[in-house]
Amino acid sequence: MNDQSQLLLRSIKGPIIMITVGVLFAADRFTDYHFHQTWPVLLIVIGLMQLLGGRRRRADYYPPPAPPPPIATPGPVLTPPVVRVTPPTVRQPSMRNDMGWEEDQEPRP
């Protein structure tokens, strides 16, 4: 079935069901057949419409998304290397001797 036929069938489905319901109510009122006896006709009409319509293809069909990647298991914990920092040696301010030369004092422990 081509697209035009499917559109036509989809557009007349509602009116056909309404006409069927009207005919069943008219039969209930003007004949010896009551609605509680004829309601299966409505199911038959709806089923025939579904069969004639065939399987509808969705124009906006997208394949389902891919599953998420597996969660990585934690490996060994890497610790940063220990860096030992030694304090710098403190130099005392220089002092002038009697000749004007600067001498450094030894650092105190």
N, C-alpha and C. Protein backbone atom coordinates (compact mmCIF):
# COMPACT_ATOMS: atom_id res chain seq x y z
N MET A 1 0.84 -1.17 0.00
CA MET A 1 0.00 0.00 0.00
C MET A 1 0.89 1.24 0.00
N ASN A 2 0.61 2.16 -0.87
CA ASN A 2 1.45 3.35 -0.95
C ASN A 2 1.04 4.38 0.09
N ASP A 3 1.81 5.45 0.16
CA ASP A 3 1.58 6.46 1.19
C ASP A 3 0.24 7.17 1.02
N GLN A 4 -0.17 7.39 -0.23
CA GLN A 4 -1.44 8.09 -0.45
C GLN A 4 -2.61 7.24 0.04
N SER A 5 -2.57 5.94 -0.20
CA SER A 5 -3.65 5.07 0.27
C SER A 5 -3.69 5.01 1.79
N GLN A 6 -2.51 5.00 2.41
CA GLN A 6 -2.48 4.98 3.88
C GLN A 6 -3.05 6.28 4.45
N LEU A 7 -2.73 7.41 3.82
CA LEU A 7 -3.28 8.68 4.28
C LEU A 7 -4.79 8.72 4.12
N LEU A 8 -5.30 8.19 3.01
CA LEU A 8 -6.74 8.15 2.78
C LEU A 8 -7.42 7.27 3.82
N LEU A 9 -6.87 6.10 4.07
CA LEU A 9 -7.46 5.19 5.04
C LEU A 9 -7.44 5.79 6.45
N ARG A 10 -6.35 6.47 6.79
CA ARG A 10 -6.27 7.09 8.11
C ARG A 10 -7.28 8.24 8.23
N SER A 11 -7.51 8.94 7.16
CA SER A 11 -8.44 10.07 7.23
C SER A 11 -9.89 9.63 7.27
N ILE A 12 -10.23 8.47 6.74
CA ILE A 12 -11.63 8.04 6.76
C ILE A 12 -11.92 7.06 7.90
N LYS A 13 -10.92 6.70 8.69
CA LYS A 13 -11.14 5.74 9.77
C LYS A 13 -12.14 6.27 10.79
N GLY A 14 -11.99 7.49 11.23
CA GLY A 14 -12.90 8.07 12.22
C GLY A 14 -14.34 8.15 11.71
N PRO A 15 -14.55 8.70 10.50
CA PRO A 15 -15.94 8.76 10.00
C PRO A 15 -16.58 7.38 9.82
N ILE A 16 -15.82 6.39 9.40
CA ILE A 16 -16.39 5.05 9.23
C ILE A 16 -16.83 4.48 10.58
N ILE A 17 -16.03 4.69 11.62
CA ILE A 17 -16.41 4.20 12.95
C ILE A 17 -17.66 4.93 13.43
N MET A 18 -17.73 6.24 13.22
CA MET A 18 -18.91 6.99 13.64
C MET A 18 -20.16 6.54 12.89
N ILE A 19 -20.04 6.28 11.60
CA ILE A 19 -21.18 5.79 10.81
C ILE A 19 -21.62 4.43 11.33
N THR A 20 -20.65 3.57 11.67
CA THR A 20 -20.99 2.24 12.18
C THR A 20 -21.74 2.35 13.50
N VAL A 21 -21.27 3.22 14.39
CA VAL A 21 -21.96 3.41 15.67
C VAL A 21 -23.38 3.94 15.43
N GLY A 22 -23.54 4.86 14.51
CA GLY A 22 -24.87 5.39 14.18
C GLY A 22 -25.80 4.33 13.64
N VAL A 23 -25.26 3.48 12.77
CA VAL A 23 -26.08 2.39 12.21
C VAL A 23 -26.49 1.43 13.32
N LEU A 24 -25.58 1.14 14.25
CA LEU A 24 -25.92 0.22 15.34
C LEU A 24 -26.98 0.81 16.26
N PHE A 25 -26.92 2.12 16.54
CA PHE A 25 -27.95 2.75 17.36
C PHE A 25 -29.29 2.81 16.61
N ALA A 26 -29.22 3.04 15.30
CA ALA A 26 -30.46 3.04 14.51
C ALA A 26 -31.08 1.64 14.50
N ALA A 27 -30.23 0.62 14.38
CA ALA A 27 -30.74 -0.76 14.42
C ALA A 27 -31.34 -1.07 15.78
N ASP A 28 -30.76 -0.50 16.84
CA ASP A 28 -31.29 -0.71 18.18
C ASP A 28 -32.69 -0.11 18.31
N ARG A 29 -32.89 1.05 17.69
CA ARG A 29 -34.17 1.75 17.85
C ARG A 29 -35.25 1.23 16.93
N PHE A 30 -34.88 0.89 15.67
CA PHE A 30 -35.92 0.59 14.68
C PHE A 30 -36.05 -0.90 14.35
N THR A 31 -35.22 -1.77 14.90
CA THR A 31 -35.32 -3.21 14.62
C THR A 31 -35.37 -3.97 15.93
N ASP A 32 -35.42 -5.27 15.81
CA ASP A 32 -35.41 -6.12 16.99
C ASP A 32 -33.98 -6.39 17.50
N TYR A 33 -32.98 -5.91 16.77
CA TYR A 33 -31.59 -6.08 17.21
C TYR A 33 -31.22 -4.91 18.13
N HIS A 34 -30.78 -5.23 19.32
CA HIS A 34 -30.42 -4.19 20.28
C HIS A 34 -28.90 -4.01 20.29
N PHE A 35 -28.47 -2.85 20.81
CA PHE A 35 -27.04 -2.52 20.78
C PHE A 35 -26.20 -3.54 21.55
N HIS A 36 -26.74 -4.06 22.66
CA HIS A 36 -25.96 -5.04 23.42
C HIS A 36 -25.77 -6.34 22.64
N GLN A 37 -26.53 -6.53 21.56
CA GLN A 37 -26.35 -7.70 20.70
C GLN A 37 -25.45 -7.38 19.50
N THR A 38 -25.38 -6.11 19.09
CA THR A 38 -24.68 -5.77 17.85
C THR A 38 -23.34 -5.06 18.06
N TRP A 39 -22.94 -4.79 19.29
CA TRP A 39 -21.68 -4.07 19.50
C TRP A 39 -20.46 -4.79 18.95
N PRO A 40 -20.44 -6.14 18.85
CA PRO A 40 -19.26 -6.77 18.24
C PRO A 40 -19.02 -6.34 16.79
N VAL A 41 -20.06 -5.86 16.12
CA VAL A 41 -19.87 -5.36 14.75
C VAL A 41 -18.89 -4.20 14.75
N LEU A 42 -18.95 -3.38 15.80
CA LEU A 42 -18.03 -2.25 15.91
C LEU A 42 -16.59 -2.75 16.00
N LEU A 43 -16.35 -3.79 16.78
CA LEU A 43 -15.00 -4.36 16.86
C LEU A 43 -14.54 -4.94 15.52
N ILE A 44 -15.48 -5.54 14.79
CA ILE A 44 -15.13 -6.11 13.48
C ILE A 44 -14.74 -5.00 12.51
N VAL A 45 -15.47 -3.89 12.51
CA VAL A 45 -15.16 -2.77 11.61
C VAL A 45 -13.80 -2.18 11.96
N ILE A 46 -13.55 -1.99 13.25
CA ILE A 46 -12.25 -1.43 13.67
C ILE A 46 -11.12 -2.38 13.27
N GLY A 47 -11.32 -3.69 13.45
CA GLY A 47 -10.30 -4.67 13.06
C GLY A 47 -10.04 -4.67 11.56
N LEU A 48 -11.11 -4.54 10.77
CA LEU A 48 -10.93 -4.51 9.31
C LEU A 48 -10.16 -3.25 8.90
N MET A 49 -10.44 -2.15 9.56
CA MET A 49 -9.71 -0.91 9.24
C MET A 49 -8.22 -1.07 9.57
N GLN A 50 -7.93 -1.73 10.67
CA GLN A 50 -6.52 -1.96 11.03
C GLN A 50 -5.84 -2.86 10.01
N LEU A 51 -6.55 -3.90 9.58
CA LEU A 51 -5.96 -4.80 8.58
C LEU A 51 -5.72 -4.10 7.26
N LEU A 52 -6.68 -3.29 6.82
CA LEU A 52 -6.51 -2.58 5.55
C LEU A 52 -5.40 -1.55 5.63
N GLY A 53 -5.22 -0.98 6.79
CA GLY A 53 -4.19 0.04 6.96
C GLY A 53 -2.79 -0.54 6.91
N GLY A 54 -2.67 -1.79 7.23
CA GLY A 54 -1.36 -2.42 7.24
C GLY A 54 -0.51 -1.88 8.37
N ARG A 55 0.70 -2.28 8.35
CA ARG A 55 1.63 -1.83 9.37
C ARG A 55 2.14 -0.45 9.00
N ARG A 56 1.95 0.48 9.89
CA ARG A 56 2.39 1.85 9.61
C ARG A 56 3.88 1.98 9.84
N ARG A 57 4.52 2.67 8.91
CA ARG A 57 5.93 3.00 9.10
C ARG A 57 6.02 4.38 9.69
N ARG A 58 6.86 4.52 10.67
CA ARG A 58 7.04 5.83 11.27
C ARG A 58 8.12 6.57 10.48
N ALA A 59 7.78 7.77 10.06
CA ALA A 59 8.75 8.56 9.30
C ALA A 59 9.86 9.09 10.18
N ASP A 60 9.56 9.26 11.46
CA ASP A 60 10.56 9.83 12.35
C ASP A 60 11.22 8.76 13.22
N TYR A 61 11.37 7.58 12.68
CA TYR A 61 11.96 6.49 13.47
C TYR A 61 13.48 6.65 13.53
N TYR A 62 13.99 6.60 14.72
CA TYR A 62 15.43 6.62 14.93
C TYR A 62 15.80 5.37 15.70
N PRO A 63 16.90 4.73 15.37
CA PRO A 63 17.29 3.54 16.13
C PRO A 63 17.58 3.91 17.58
N PRO A 64 17.41 2.97 18.48
CA PRO A 64 17.68 3.28 19.89
C PRO A 64 19.14 3.63 20.10
N PRO A 65 19.43 4.44 21.11
CA PRO A 65 20.82 4.83 21.34
C PRO A 65 21.65 3.64 21.80
N ALA A 66 22.92 3.73 21.57
CA ALA A 66 23.84 2.67 21.98
C ALA A 66 23.90 2.63 23.51
N PRO A 67 24.15 1.44 24.06
CA PRO A 67 24.23 1.37 25.53
C PRO A 67 25.46 2.13 26.02
N PRO A 68 25.40 2.61 27.24
CA PRO A 68 26.55 3.36 27.75
C PRO A 68 27.75 2.45 27.93
N PRO A 69 28.95 3.00 27.85
CA PRO A 69 30.14 2.17 28.00
C PRO A 69 30.20 1.62 29.43
N PRO A 70 30.85 0.48 29.59
CA PRO A 70 30.93 -0.09 30.94
C PRO A 70 31.71 0.82 31.87
N ILE A 71 31.34 0.76 33.11
CA ILE A 71 32.02 1.58 34.12
C ILE A 71 33.38 0.97 34.40
N ALA A 72 34.40 1.80 34.33
CA ALA A 72 35.76 1.30 34.55
C ALA A 72 35.94 0.98 36.03
N THR A 73 36.57 -0.16 36.28
CA THR A 73 36.85 -0.51 37.67
C THR A 73 38.09 0.24 38.11
N PRO A 74 38.10 0.69 39.33
CA PRO A 74 39.27 1.46 39.77
C PRO A 74 40.51 0.57 39.84
N GLY A 75 41.59 1.08 39.35
CA GLY A 75 42.86 0.37 39.38
C GLY A 75 43.62 0.72 40.64
N PRO A 76 44.91 0.44 40.63
CA PRO A 76 45.69 0.78 41.81
C PRO A 76 45.74 2.30 41.99
N VAL A 77 45.70 2.71 43.21
CA VAL A 77 45.73 4.13 43.51
C VAL A 77 47.18 4.61 43.42
N LEU A 78 47.39 5.59 42.59
CA LEU A 78 48.73 6.13 42.42
C LEU A 78 48.91 7.30 43.38
N THR A 79 49.94 7.21 44.17
CA THR A 79 50.22 8.30 45.10
C THR A 79 51.38 9.11 44.55
N PRO A 80 51.33 10.40 44.74
CA PRO A 80 52.42 11.22 44.24
C PRO A 80 53.69 10.94 45.04
N PRO A 81 54.85 11.08 44.41
CA PRO A 81 56.09 10.82 45.14
C PRO A 81 56.27 11.84 46.28
N VAL A 82 56.90 11.38 47.32
CA VAL A 82 57.15 12.24 48.47
C VAL A 82 58.40 13.06 48.20
N VAL A 83 58.26 14.34 48.30
CA VAL A 83 59.38 15.25 48.07
C VAL A 83 59.74 15.85 49.41
N ARG A 84 60.96 15.65 49.80
CA ARG A 84 61.41 16.21 51.07
C ARG A 84 62.07 17.55 50.81
N VAL A 85 61.59 18.52 51.47
CA VAL A 85 62.12 19.86 51.30
C VAL A 85 62.95 20.19 52.52
N THR A 86 64.22 20.51 52.28
CA THR A 86 65.08 20.90 53.40
C THR A 86 65.08 22.41 53.48
N PRO A 87 65.00 22.92 54.67
CA PRO A 87 64.98 24.38 54.79
C PRO A 87 66.33 24.95 54.35
N PRO A 88 66.30 26.09 53.76
CA PRO A 88 67.56 26.69 53.31
C PRO A 88 68.40 27.09 54.53
N THR A 89 69.68 27.11 54.31
CA THR A 89 70.57 27.53 55.40
C THR A 89 70.45 29.03 55.57
N VAL A 90 70.34 29.42 56.78
CA VAL A 90 70.17 30.83 57.07
C VAL A 90 71.55 31.46 57.27
N ARG A 91 71.81 32.47 56.52
CA ARG A 91 73.10 33.17 56.67
C ARG A 91 72.87 34.42 57.50
N GLN A 92 73.75 34.59 58.41
CA GLN A 92 73.69 35.78 59.24
C GLN A 92 74.19 36.98 58.44
N PRO A 93 73.73 38.11 58.77
CA PRO A 93 74.22 39.29 58.03
C PRO A 93 75.72 39.45 58.20
N SER A 94 76.34 39.92 57.17
CA SER A 94 77.80 40.06 57.21
C SER A 94 78.21 41.21 58.12
N MET A 95 79.38 41.06 58.63
CA MET A 95 79.91 42.09 59.52
C MET A 95 81.24 42.58 58.96
N ARG A 96 81.56 43.81 59.22
CA ARG A 96 82.84 44.36 58.74
C ARG A 96 83.89 44.14 59.82
N ASN A 97 84.99 43.71 59.36
CA ASN A 97 86.11 43.61 60.32
C ASN A 97 86.84 44.94 60.37
N ASP A 98 87.96 44.99 61.09
CA ASP A 98 88.65 46.27 61.24
C ASP A 98 89.25 46.78 59.94
N MET A 99 89.38 45.93 58.95
CA MET A 99 90.00 46.39 57.72
C MET A 99 88.94 46.78 56.68
N GLY A 100 87.66 46.63 56.99
CA GLY A 100 86.62 47.00 56.05
C GLY A 100 86.12 45.86 55.18
N TRP A 101 86.75 44.69 55.36
CA TRP A 101 86.29 43.54 54.61
C TRP A 101 85.05 42.93 55.27
N GLU A 102 84.16 42.44 54.43
CA GLU A 102 82.98 41.80 54.99
C GLU A 102 83.27 40.34 55.23
N GLU A 103 82.86 39.88 56.37
CA GLU A 103 83.02 38.46 56.70
C GLU A 103 81.63 37.91 57.03
N ASP A 104 81.42 36.71 56.61
CA ASP A 104 80.17 36.03 56.93
C ASP A 104 80.33 35.27 58.22
N GLN A 105 79.30 35.32 59.01
CA GLN A 105 79.35 34.52 60.22
C GLN A 105 78.85 33.12 59.89
N GLU A 106 79.28 32.19 60.65
CA GLU A 106 78.84 30.81 60.47
C GLU A 106 77.36 30.71 60.90
N PRO A 107 76.59 29.93 60.21
CA PRO A 107 75.20 29.78 60.62
C PRO A 107 75.11 29.06 61.95
N ARG A 108 74.16 29.44 62.72
CA ARG A 108 73.96 28.80 64.02
C ARG A 108 73.05 27.60 63.85
N PRO A 109 73.39 26.56 64.57
CA PRO A 109 72.54 25.34 64.42
C PRO A 109 71.21 25.50 65.09
